[in-house]
Amino acid sequence: MNAKDLMTLKVDVANENTTVQEISAKLFAGEFNGLPIVDDNNLVVGIVTAIDVLKAIQKGKALYKFRAKDIMTPNPSVVKKDTSIDKIIDIMIEKGIIMVPVVEDHTNKILGIVTRLDIITEKLKEELTP
């Protein structure tokens, strides 16, 4: 099993210039604890998580004054469609992250994401299927 078997295809993303206020609303409304940040070509350039938003709040400025590019983790870990579950788990554990964007083989164009919950859900399905 690999990333293409696990990934969520309908991914909410934000642009580098999206306000942190807008990102916060997406995080609140969505099922993920972070958003991939993409450029105008839909290439992954960063990740913004709820922790990044909390750090921005600590700085005392209004969230609409920050842009994704101001608080994102640049050059995030990404995987290709054929990356194995074990490798994805290794990345998640090593980096302490909850999701990994899945990108096209020769670019960083986003295809989907794999979350910790995707992996755990798949493992539970495997164990419950006779």
C-alpha atoms as a PDB file:
ATOM      1  CA  MET A   1       0.000   0.000   0.000  1.00  0.00           C
ATOM      2  CA  ASN A   2       1.229   3.469  -0.841  1.00  0.00           C
ATOM      3  CA  ALA A   3       0.235   7.144  -0.853  1.00  0.00           C
ATOM      4  CA  LYS A   4      -2.113   6.906  -3.843  1.00  0.00           C
ATOM      5  CA  ASP A   5      -4.177   4.257  -2.006  1.00  0.00           C
ATOM      6  CA  LEU A   6      -4.511   6.418   1.115  1.00  0.00           C
ATOM      7  CA  MET A   7      -4.594  10.019   0.014  1.00  0.00           C
ATOM      8  CA  THR A   8      -7.513  12.364   0.373  1.00  0.00           C
ATOM      9  CA  LEU A   9      -8.072  13.932  -3.030  1.00  0.00           C
ATOM     10  CA  LYS A  10     -10.339  16.799  -2.030  1.00  0.00           C
ATOM     11  CA  VAL A  11      -7.793  19.027  -0.341  1.00  0.00           C
ATOM     12  CA  ASP A  12      -8.351  22.522   0.910  1.00  0.00           C
ATOM     13  CA  VAL A  13      -5.309  24.649   0.095  1.00  0.00           C
ATOM     14  CA  ALA A  14      -4.383  28.283   0.500  1.00  0.00           C
ATOM     15  CA  ASN A  15      -2.235  30.626  -1.561  1.00  0.00           C
ATOM     16  CA  GLU A  16       0.908  32.274  -0.190  1.00  0.00           C
ATOM     17  CA  ASN A  17      -0.950  35.605   0.065  1.00  0.00           C
ATOM     18  CA  THR A  18      -4.043  34.257   1.838  1.00  0.00           C
ATOM     19  CA  THR A  19      -4.568  35.993   5.177  1.00  0.00           C
ATOM     20  CA  VAL A  20      -4.081  33.990   8.335  1.00  0.00           C
ATOM     21  CA  GLN A  21      -7.620  35.018   9.262  1.00  0.00           C
ATOM     22  CA  GLU A  22      -8.922  33.186   6.151  1.00  0.00           C
ATOM     23  CA  ILE A  23      -6.684  30.196   6.856  1.00  0.00           C
ATOM     24  CA  SER A  24      -7.948  30.050  10.449  1.00  0.00           C
ATOM     25  CA  ALA A  25     -11.530  29.944   9.188  1.00  0.00           C
ATOM     26  CA  LYS A  26     -10.633  27.073   6.809  1.00  0.00           C
ATOM     27  CA  LEU A  27      -8.917  25.166   9.615  1.00  0.00           C
ATOM     28  CA  PHE A  28     -11.922  25.692  11.875  1.00  0.00           C
ATOM     29  CA  ALA A  29     -14.403  24.561   9.203  1.00  0.00           C
ATOM     30  CA  GLY A  30     -12.343  21.663   7.868  1.00  0.00           C
ATOM     31  CA  GLU A  31     -11.277  18.283   9.071  1.00  0.00           C
ATOM     32  CA  PHE A  32      -7.546  18.909   8.893  1.00  0.00           C
ATOM     33  CA  ASN A  33      -5.156  20.563  11.331  1.00  0.00           C
ATOM     34  CA  GLY A  34      -3.159  22.201   8.584  1.00  0.00           C
ATOM     35  CA  LEU A  35      -3.304  23.481   5.026  1.00  0.00           C
ATOM     36  CA  PRO A  36      -0.856  23.051   2.191  1.00  0.00           C
ATOM     37  CA  ILE A  37       0.207  26.438   0.830  1.00  0.00           C
ATOM     38  CA  VAL A  38       0.525  26.598  -2.941  1.00  0.00           C
ATOM     39  CA  ASP A  39       1.818  29.134  -5.425  1.00  0.00           C
ATOM     40  CA  ASP A  40      -0.043  30.309  -8.533  1.00  0.00           C
ATOM     41  CA  ASN A  41       0.882  27.070 -10.352  1.00  0.00           C
ATOM     42  CA  ASN A  42      -0.601  24.882  -7.582  1.00  0.00           C
ATOM     43  CA  LEU A  43       2.894  23.821  -6.473  1.00  0.00           C
ATOM     44  CA  VAL A  44       3.327  23.128  -2.754  1.00  0.00           C
ATOM     45  CA  VAL A  45       5.560  25.784  -1.201  1.00  0.00           C
ATOM     46  CA  GLY A  46       4.644  25.462   2.476  1.00  0.00           C
ATOM     47  CA  ILE A  47       2.293  24.262   5.200  1.00  0.00           C
ATOM     48  CA  VAL A  48       0.348  26.262   7.769  1.00  0.00           C
ATOM     49  CA  THR A  49      -0.891  24.384  10.832  1.00  0.00           C
ATOM     50  CA  ALA A  50      -2.978  25.374  13.815  1.00  0.00           C
ATOM     51  CA  ILE A  51       0.286  25.698  15.782  1.00  0.00           C
ATOM     52  CA  ASP A  52       1.543  28.283  13.264  1.00  0.00           C
ATOM     53  CA  VAL A  53      -1.683  30.257  13.766  1.00  0.00           C
ATOM     54  CA  LEU A  54      -1.258  30.084  17.553  1.00  0.00           C
ATOM     55  CA  LYS A  55       2.283  31.432  17.195  1.00  0.00           C
ATOM     56  CA  ALA A  56       0.916  34.314  15.086  1.00  0.00           C
ATOM     57  CA  ILE A  57      -1.690  35.050  17.795  1.00  0.00           C
ATOM     58  CA  GLN A  58       1.110  35.219  20.370  1.00  0.00           C
ATOM     59  CA  LYS A  59       2.750  38.003  18.367  1.00  0.00           C
ATOM     60  CA  GLY A  60      -0.247  40.197  19.187  1.00  0.00           C
ATOM     61  CA  LYS A  61      -1.089  41.396  15.678  1.00  0.00           C
ATOM     62  CA  ALA A  62      -4.503  40.870  14.101  1.00  0.00           C
ATOM     63  CA  LEU A  63      -4.656  37.692  12.017  1.00  0.00           C
ATOM     64  CA  TYR A  64      -5.718  39.569   8.887  1.00  0.00           C
ATOM     65  CA  LYS A  65      -2.356  41.378   8.968  1.00  0.00           C
ATOM     66  CA  PHE A  66      -0.420  38.114   8.490  1.00  0.00           C
ATOM     67  CA  ARG A  67      -0.220  36.237   5.189  1.00  0.00           C
ATOM     68  CA  ALA A  68       0.387  32.508   4.789  1.00  0.00           C
ATOM     69  CA  LYS A  69       3.921  33.224   3.586  1.00  0.00           C
ATOM     70  CA  ASP A  70       4.620  35.044   6.885  1.00  0.00           C
ATOM     71  CA  ILE A  71       3.914  32.052   9.117  1.00  0.00           C
ATOM     72  CA  MET A  72       4.144  28.932   6.930  1.00  0.00           C
ATOM     73  CA  THR A  73       6.747  26.230   7.210  1.00  0.00           C
ATOM     74  CA  PRO A  74       8.470  26.518   3.831  1.00  0.00           C
ATOM     75  CA  ASN A  75       9.597  23.537   1.760  1.00  0.00           C
ATOM     76  CA  PRO A  76       7.535  20.988   3.681  1.00  0.00           C
ATOM     77  CA  SER A  77       8.031  17.247   3.483  1.00  0.00           C
ATOM     78  CA  VAL A  78       6.086  15.867   0.527  1.00  0.00           C
ATOM     79  CA  VAL A  79       5.673  12.386  -0.913  1.00  0.00           C
ATOM     80  CA  LYS A  80       4.993  10.923  -4.343  1.00  0.00           C
ATOM     81  CA  LYS A  81       2.031   8.657  -5.193  1.00  0.00           C
ATOM     82  CA  ASP A  82       4.158   5.510  -4.922  1.00  0.00           C
ATOM     83  CA  THR A  83       5.649   6.309  -1.485  1.00  0.00           C
ATOM     84  CA  SER A  84       5.019   3.409   0.903  1.00  0.00           C
ATOM     85  CA  ILE A  85       2.983   3.668   4.095  1.00  0.00           C
ATOM     86  CA  ASP A  86       6.071   2.796   6.117  1.00  0.00           C
ATOM     87  CA  LYS A  87       8.043   5.680   4.577  1.00  0.00           C
ATOM     88  CA  ILE A  88       5.128   8.083   5.179  1.00  0.00           C
ATOM     89  CA  ILE A  89       4.915   6.974   8.811  1.00  0.00           C
ATOM     90  CA  ASP A  90       8.698   7.442   9.163  1.00  0.00           C
ATOM     91  CA  ILE A  91       8.374  11.024   7.863  1.00  0.00           C
ATOM     92  CA  MET A  92       5.438  11.791  10.173  1.00  0.00           C
ATOM     93  CA  ILE A  93       7.231  10.446  13.240  1.00  0.00           C
ATOM     94  CA  GLU A  94      10.603  12.019  12.417  1.00  0.00           C
ATOM     95  CA  LYS A  95       9.135  15.451  11.655  1.00  0.00           C
ATOM     96  CA  GLY A  96       6.297  15.315  14.207  1.00  0.00           C
ATOM     97  CA  ILE A  97       3.726  16.150  11.535  1.00  0.00           C
ATOM     98  CA  ILE A  98       0.124  15.062  11.053  1.00  0.00           C
ATOM     99  CA  MET A  99      -0.196  15.248   7.286  1.00  0.00           C
ATOM    100  CA  VAL A 100       1.959  15.000   4.210  1.00  0.00           C
ATOM    101  CA  PRO A 101       1.066  16.471   0.813  1.00  0.00           C
ATOM    102  CA  VAL A 102       1.174  14.036  -2.110  1.00  0.00           C
ATOM    103  CA  VAL A 103       2.653  15.642  -5.226  1.00  0.00           C
ATOM    104  CA  GLU A 104       3.198  14.758  -8.893  1.00  0.00           C
ATOM    105  CA  ASP A 105       6.354  12.818  -9.673  1.00  0.00           C
ATOM    106  CA  HIS A 106       8.296  15.550 -11.467  1.00  0.00           C
ATOM    107  CA  THR A 107       6.850  18.638  -9.840  1.00  0.00           C
ATOM    108  CA  ASN A 108       5.526  19.738  -6.490  1.00  0.00           C
ATOM    109  CA  LYS A 109       1.980  20.043  -7.904  1.00  0.00           C
ATOM    110  CA  ILE A 110      -0.441  18.893  -5.233  1.00  0.00           C
ATOM    111  CA  LEU A 111      -2.527  15.776  -5.859  1.00  0.00           C
ATOM    112  CA  GLY A 112      -3.816  15.136  -2.332  1.00  0.00           C
ATOM    113  CA  ILE A 113      -2.716  14.607   1.250  1.00  0.00           C
ATOM    114  CA  VAL A 114      -2.169  11.661   3.563  1.00  0.00           C
ATOM    115  CA  THR A 115      -2.972  12.194   7.230  1.00  0.00           C
ATOM    116  CA  ARG A 116      -2.254  10.111  10.296  1.00  0.00           C
ATOM    117  CA  LEU A 117      -5.953   9.342  10.450  1.00  0.00           C
ATOM    118  CA  ASP A 118      -5.937   8.051   6.828  1.00  0.00           C
ATOM    119  CA  ILE A 119      -3.235   5.534   7.738  1.00  0.00           C
ATOM    120  CA  ILE A 120      -4.886   4.425  10.985  1.00  0.00           C
ATOM    121  CA  THR A 121      -8.293   4.102   9.294  1.00  0.00           C
ATOM    122  CA  GLU A 122      -6.820   1.948   6.527  1.00  0.00           C
ATOM    123  CA  LYS A 123      -5.067  -0.297   9.065  1.00  0.00           C
ATOM    124  CA  LEU A 124      -8.316  -0.753  11.004  1.00  0.00           C
ATOM    125  CA  LYS A 125     -10.168  -1.656   7.783  1.00  0.00           C
ATOM    126  CA  GLU A 126      -7.501  -4.233   6.945  1.00  0.00           C
ATOM    127  CA  GLU A 127      -7.798  -5.835  10.375  1.00  0.00           C
ATOM    128  CA  LEU A 128     -11.604  -5.911  10.306  1.00  0.00           C
ATOM    129  CA  THR A 129     -11.820  -7.458   6.831  1.00  0.00           C
ATOM    130  CA  PRO A 130     -11.832 -11.247   7.018  1.00  0.00           C
END
